[in-house]
C-alpha atoms as a PDB file:
ATOM      1  CA  UNK A   1     -11.988   8.218  10.699  1.00  0.00           C
ATOM      2  CA  UNK A   2      -8.825  10.298  11.904  1.00  0.00           C
ATOM      3  CA  UNK A   3      -7.044   7.266  12.736  1.00  0.00           C
ATOM      4  CA  UNK A   4      -8.217   5.603   9.281  1.00  0.00           C
ATOM      5  CA  UNK A   5      -6.706   8.690   7.548  1.00  0.00           C
ATOM      6  CA  UNK A   6      -3.398   8.587   9.464  1.00  0.00           C
ATOM      7  CA  UNK A   7      -2.827   5.019   9.317  1.00  0.00           C
ATOM      8  CA  UNK A   8      -4.431   4.916   5.774  1.00  0.00           C
ATOM      9  CA  UNK A   9      -1.077   5.873   3.998  1.00  0.00           C
ATOM     10  CA  UNK A  10       0.272   2.663   5.468  1.00  0.00           C
ATOM     11  CA  UNK A  11      -2.489   1.023   3.195  1.00  0.00           C
ATOM     12  CA  UNK A  12      -1.159   3.137   0.381  1.00  0.00           C
ATOM     13  CA  UNK A  13       2.539   2.370   0.757  1.00  0.00           C
ATOM     14  CA  UNK A  14       4.264  -0.591  -0.905  1.00  0.00           C
ATOM     15  CA  UNK A  15       7.308  -0.863  -3.059  1.00  0.00           C
ATOM     16  CA  UNK A  16      10.233  -3.275  -3.175  1.00  0.00           C
ATOM     17  CA  UNK A  17      13.847  -2.748  -4.004  1.00  0.00           C
ATOM     18  CA  UNK A  18      14.655  -4.179  -7.462  1.00  0.00           C
ATOM     19  CA  UNK A  19      16.221  -7.144  -5.859  1.00  0.00           C
ATOM     20  CA  UNK A  20      12.821  -7.967  -4.671  1.00  0.00           C
ATOM     21  CA  UNK A  21      11.017  -7.931  -7.882  1.00  0.00           C
ATOM     22  CA  UNK A  22      13.861 -10.208  -9.157  1.00  0.00           C
ATOM     23  CA  UNK A  23      13.605 -12.625  -6.095  1.00  0.00           C
ATOM     24  CA  UNK A  24       9.735 -12.768  -7.465  1.00  0.00           C
ATOM     25  CA  UNK A  25      10.612 -13.569 -10.734  1.00  0.00           C
ATOM     26  CA  UNK A  26       9.516  -9.942 -12.075  1.00  0.00           C
ATOM     27  CA  UNK A  27      11.474  -7.561 -14.015  1.00  0.00           C
ATOM     28  CA  UNK A  28      10.105  -4.610 -11.905  1.00  0.00           C
ATOM     29  CA  UNK A  29       7.091  -3.863  -9.791  1.00  0.00           C
ATOM     30  CA  UNK A  30       7.230  -0.198 -10.718  1.00  0.00           C
ATOM     31  CA  UNK A  31       3.925   1.352 -11.567  1.00  0.00           C
ATOM     32  CA  UNK A  32       0.805   2.453  -9.866  1.00  0.00           C
ATOM     33  CA  UNK A  33      -1.126   0.170  -7.483  1.00  0.00           C
ATOM     34  CA  UNK A  34      -4.756   0.798  -6.358  1.00  0.00           C
ATOM     35  CA  UNK A  35      -6.231  -0.882  -3.245  1.00  0.00           C
ATOM     36  CA  UNK A  36      -9.281  -3.379  -3.883  1.00  0.00           C
ATOM     37  CA  UNK A  37      -9.746  -4.174  -0.140  1.00  0.00           C
ATOM     38  CA  UNK A  38      -8.461  -3.717   3.416  1.00  0.00           C
ATOM     39  CA  UNK A  39      -8.946  -4.706   6.933  1.00  0.00           C
ATOM     40  CA  UNK A  40      -7.606  -2.985   9.724  1.00  0.00           C
ATOM     41  CA  UNK A  41      -7.561  -4.340  13.236  1.00  0.00           C
ATOM     42  CA  UNK A  42     -10.094  -6.786  12.050  1.00  0.00           C
ATOM     43  CA  UNK A  43     -12.452  -4.082  10.730  1.00  0.00           C
ATOM     44  CA  UNK A  44     -12.967  -3.639   6.823  1.00  0.00           C
ATOM     45  CA  UNK A  45     -11.342  -0.475   5.453  1.00  0.00           C
ATOM     46  CA  UNK A  46     -14.411   1.554   4.166  1.00  0.00           C
ATOM     47  CA  UNK A  47     -14.720   1.642   0.228  1.00  0.00           C
ATOM     48  CA  UNK A  48     -14.568   5.357   0.588  1.00  0.00           C
ATOM     49  CA  UNK A  49     -11.272   5.502   2.301  1.00  0.00           C
ATOM     50  CA  UNK A  50      -9.855   2.799  -0.365  1.00  0.00           C
ATOM     51  CA  UNK A  51     -10.984   5.173  -3.043  1.00  0.00           C
ATOM     52  CA  UNK A  52      -8.403   8.247  -1.854  1.00  0.00           C
ATOM     53  CA  UNK A  53      -5.504   5.649  -1.894  1.00  0.00           C
ATOM     54  CA  UNK A  54      -2.954   4.905  -4.376  1.00  0.00           C
ATOM     55  CA  UNK A  55       0.620   3.674  -4.562  1.00  0.00           C
ATOM     56  CA  UNK A  56       3.345   4.616  -6.938  1.00  0.00           C
ATOM     57  CA  UNK A  57       6.545   2.703  -7.072  1.00  0.00           C
ATOM     58  CA  UNK A  58       9.665   3.930  -8.913  1.00  0.00           C
ATOM     59  CA  UNK A  59      13.251   2.582  -8.795  1.00  0.00           C
ATOM     60  CA  UNK A  60      13.017   0.921  -5.195  1.00  0.00           C
ATOM     61  CA  UNK A  61      11.145   3.972  -3.762  1.00  0.00           C
ATOM     62  CA  UNK A  62       7.362   4.429  -2.789  1.00  0.00           C
ATOM     63  CA  UNK A  63       4.924   7.437  -2.842  1.00  0.00           C
ATOM     64  CA  UNK A  64       1.733   6.577  -1.010  1.00  0.00           C
ATOM     65  CA  UNK A  65      -1.255   8.956  -1.149  1.00  0.00           C
ATOM     66  CA  UNK A  66      -4.320   8.552   1.094  1.00  0.00           C
ATOM     67  CA  UNK A  67      -6.954  11.213   1.777  1.00  0.00           C
ATOM     68  CA  UNK A  68      -4.657  13.944   0.831  1.00  0.00           C
ATOM     69  CA  UNK A  69      -1.813  12.629   3.222  1.00  0.00           C
ATOM     70  CA  UNK A  70       1.424  11.776   1.030  1.00  0.00           C
ATOM     71  CA  UNK A  71       4.158   9.615   2.339  1.00  0.00           C
ATOM     72  CA  UNK A  72       7.363   8.240   0.891  1.00  0.00           C
ATOM     73  CA  UNK A  73      10.403   6.318   1.551  1.00  0.00           C
ATOM     74  CA  UNK A  74      12.124   3.098   0.756  1.00  0.00           C
ATOM     75  CA  UNK A  75      11.840  -0.537   1.667  1.00  0.00           C
ATOM     76  CA  UNK A  76      14.521  -2.792   2.819  1.00  0.00           C
ATOM     77  CA  UNK A  77      14.032  -6.444   2.055  1.00  0.00           C
ATOM     78  CA  UNK A  78      14.746  -8.752   4.954  1.00  0.00           C
ATOM     79  CA  UNK A  79      17.894 -10.577   4.428  1.00  0.00           C
ATOM     80  CA  UNK A  80      17.152 -14.096   2.910  1.00  0.00           C
ATOM     81  CA  UNK A  81      13.654 -13.573   2.610  1.00  0.00           C
ATOM     82  CA  UNK A  82      11.467 -13.007  -0.434  1.00  0.00           C
ATOM     83  CA  UNK A  83       8.312 -12.083   1.339  1.00  0.00           C
ATOM     84  CA  UNK A  84       9.291  -9.833   4.203  1.00  0.00           C
ATOM     85  CA  UNK A  85      10.320  -6.297   4.347  1.00  0.00           C
ATOM     86  CA  UNK A  86      10.724  -3.108   6.533  1.00  0.00           C
ATOM     87  CA  UNK A  87       9.231   0.028   5.182  1.00  0.00           C
ATOM     88  CA  UNK A  88      11.569   3.062   6.150  1.00  0.00           C
ATOM     89  CA  UNK A  89       9.328   6.195   6.052  1.00  0.00           C
ATOM     90  CA  UNK A  90      11.338   9.445   5.167  1.00  0.00           C
ATOM     91  CA  UNK A  91       8.483  11.756   4.681  1.00  0.00           C
ATOM     92  CA  UNK A  92       5.134  12.169   5.830  1.00  0.00           C
ATOM     93  CA  UNK A  93       3.261  11.956   9.302  1.00  0.00           C
ATOM     94  CA  UNK A  94       5.434   8.932  10.536  1.00  0.00           C
ATOM     95  CA  UNK A  95       8.640  10.212   9.278  1.00  0.00           C
ATOM     96  CA  UNK A  96      11.426   8.275  10.763  1.00  0.00           C
ATOM     97  CA  UNK A  97       9.336   4.890  11.668  1.00  0.00           C
ATOM     98  CA  UNK A  98      10.119   1.738  10.300  1.00  0.00           C
ATOM     99  CA  UNK A  99       7.234  -0.694   9.734  1.00  0.00           C
ATOM    100  CA  UNK A 100       7.697  -4.590   9.212  1.00  0.00           C
ATOM    101  CA  UNK A 101       5.557  -6.082   6.468  1.00  0.00           C
ATOM    102  CA  UNK A 102       5.082  -9.551   4.668  1.00  0.00           C
ATOM    103  CA  UNK A 103       3.593  -9.518   1.279  1.00  0.00           C
ATOM    104  CA  UNK A 104       2.499 -12.182  -1.466  1.00  0.00           C
ATOM    105  CA  UNK A 105       2.370 -11.355  -5.112  1.00  0.00           C
ATOM    106  CA  UNK A 106       0.268 -13.143  -7.375  1.00  0.00           C
ATOM    107  CA  UNK A 107       0.247 -11.724 -10.952  1.00  0.00           C
ATOM    108  CA  UNK A 108      -1.027  -8.275 -10.728  1.00  0.00           C
ATOM    109  CA  UNK A 109      -2.567  -8.820  -7.339  1.00  0.00           C
ATOM    110  CA  UNK A 110      -0.214  -7.802  -4.277  1.00  0.00           C
ATOM    111  CA  UNK A 111      -1.351  -8.608  -0.718  1.00  0.00           C
ATOM    112  CA  UNK A 112       0.375  -6.866   1.884  1.00  0.00           C
ATOM    113  CA  UNK A 113       0.457  -7.065   5.813  1.00  0.00           C
ATOM    114  CA  UNK A 114       1.547  -4.193   7.764  1.00  0.00           C
ATOM    115  CA  UNK A 115       2.314  -4.384  11.618  1.00  0.00           C
ATOM    116  CA  UNK A 116       2.060  -1.657  13.909  1.00  0.00           C
ATOM    117  CA  UNK A 117       3.649  -3.707  16.729  1.00  0.00           C
ATOM    118  CA  UNK A 118       7.145  -3.514  15.276  1.00  0.00           C
ATOM    119  CA  UNK A 119       7.470  -7.282  14.796  1.00  0.00           C
ATOM    120  CA  UNK A 120       6.702  -8.969  11.506  1.00  0.00           C
ATOM    121  CA  UNK A 121       3.216 -10.255  11.023  1.00  0.00           C
ATOM    122  CA  UNK A 122       2.692 -13.921  11.642  1.00  0.00           C
ATOM    123  CA  UNK A 123       0.011 -14.681   9.163  1.00  0.00           C
ATOM    124  CA  UNK A 124      -1.986 -12.841   6.337  1.00  0.00           C
ATOM    125  CA  UNK A 125      -4.651 -11.807   8.997  1.00  0.00           C
ATOM    126  CA  UNK A 126      -5.846  -8.656  10.624  1.00  0.00           C
ATOM    127  CA  UNK A 127      -7.667  -8.781  14.106  1.00  0.00           C
ATOM    128  CA  UNK A 128      -8.076  -6.305  17.074  1.00  0.00           C
ATOM    129  CA  UNK A 129      -5.521  -8.056  18.940  1.00  0.00           C
ATOM    130  CA  UNK A 130      -2.562  -8.339  16.343  1.00  0.00           C
ATOM    131  CA  UNK A 131      -2.905  -4.618  15.303  1.00  0.00           C
ATOM    132  CA  UNK A 132      -2.325  -5.389  11.528  1.00  0.00           C
ATOM    133  CA  UNK A 133      -3.294  -3.802   8.345  1.00  0.00           C
ATOM    134  CA  UNK A 134      -3.972  -6.231   5.386  1.00  0.00           C
ATOM    135  CA  UNK A 135      -4.230  -4.570   2.085  1.00  0.00           C
ATOM    136  CA  UNK A 136      -5.161  -6.124  -1.319  1.00  0.00           C
ATOM    137  CA  UNK A 137      -3.759  -3.895  -4.165  1.00  0.00           C
ATOM    138  CA  UNK A 138      -4.107  -4.384  -8.032  1.00  0.00           C
ATOM    139  CA  UNK A 139      -1.623  -3.076 -10.712  1.00  0.00           C
ATOM    140  CA  UNK A 140      -3.425  -0.177 -12.361  1.00  0.00           C
ATOM    141  CA  UNK A 141      -3.431   0.165 -16.151  1.00  0.00           C
ATOM    142  CA  UNK A 142      -3.918   3.077 -18.252  1.00  0.00           C
ATOM    143  CA  UNK A 143      -7.798   2.491 -18.540  1.00  0.00           C
ATOM    144  CA  UNK A 144      -7.924   2.878 -14.458  1.00  0.00           C
ATOM    145  CA  UNK A 145      -6.840   6.541 -14.795  1.00  0.00           C
ATOM    146  CA  UNK A 146      -9.448   9.033 -14.105  1.00  0.00           C
ATOM    147  CA  UNK A 147     -10.672  10.965 -16.810  1.00  0.00           C
ATOM    148  CA  UNK A 148      -9.204  14.383 -17.384  1.00  0.00           C
ATOM    149  CA  UNK A 149     -11.735  17.211 -16.382  1.00  0.00           C
ATOM    150  CA  UNK A 150     -11.369  20.609 -18.044  1.00  0.00           C
ATOM    151  CA  UNK A 151     -12.082  23.731 -15.947  1.00  0.00           C
ATOM    152  CA  UNK A 152     -15.985  24.274 -15.405  1.00  0.00           C
ATOM    153  CA  UNK A 153     -16.794  20.533 -15.709  1.00  0.00           C
ATOM    154  CA  UNK A 154     -17.907  18.458 -12.554  1.00  0.00           C
ATOM    155  CA  UNK A 155     -16.356  15.009 -12.180  1.00  0.00           C
ATOM    156  CA  UNK A 156     -18.194  12.232 -10.494  1.00  0.00           C
ATOM    157  CA  UNK A 157     -17.266   8.636  -9.467  1.00  0.00           C
ATOM    158  CA  UNK A 158     -19.338   5.592  -8.788  1.00  0.00           C
ATOM    159  CA  UNK A 159     -17.906   2.402  -7.214  1.00  0.00           C
ATOM    160  CA  UNK A 160     -18.697  -0.906  -9.129  1.00  0.00           C
ATOM    161  CA  UNK A 161     -18.117  -4.218  -7.119  1.00  0.00           C
END
């Protein structure tokens, strides 16, 4: 579980520079993204871990949150590509690390494959051998925001498939 928490922020990461949004035919990818599924080294990311993650994109920067771990940085679109980027981490537990990733945007659904090997992922898959993390995100709406809880109240949550 410690490995999941440490690597979990990778799952929460993703933003593209405005040029990438333009290349995808979008005005902007700014907003809040929530993971709906993930696979790390061939194993499903537990729903309990997914529920702690969120990604906020603003003006070509990212802020990823996972199990209380916050990381941020920028993303550099690979020259000549509309689906490959390098994530340059500038704060958090892996400060200074750069991760190659591939992505596919389909409406409000974003699939990202992060690689721990330093090489771009070859496909949208995660196995024990390739050491990839595949995450599927959905753009959050105002209705997705958790309710405001006043002091003294308890908040509960449920997962509906």
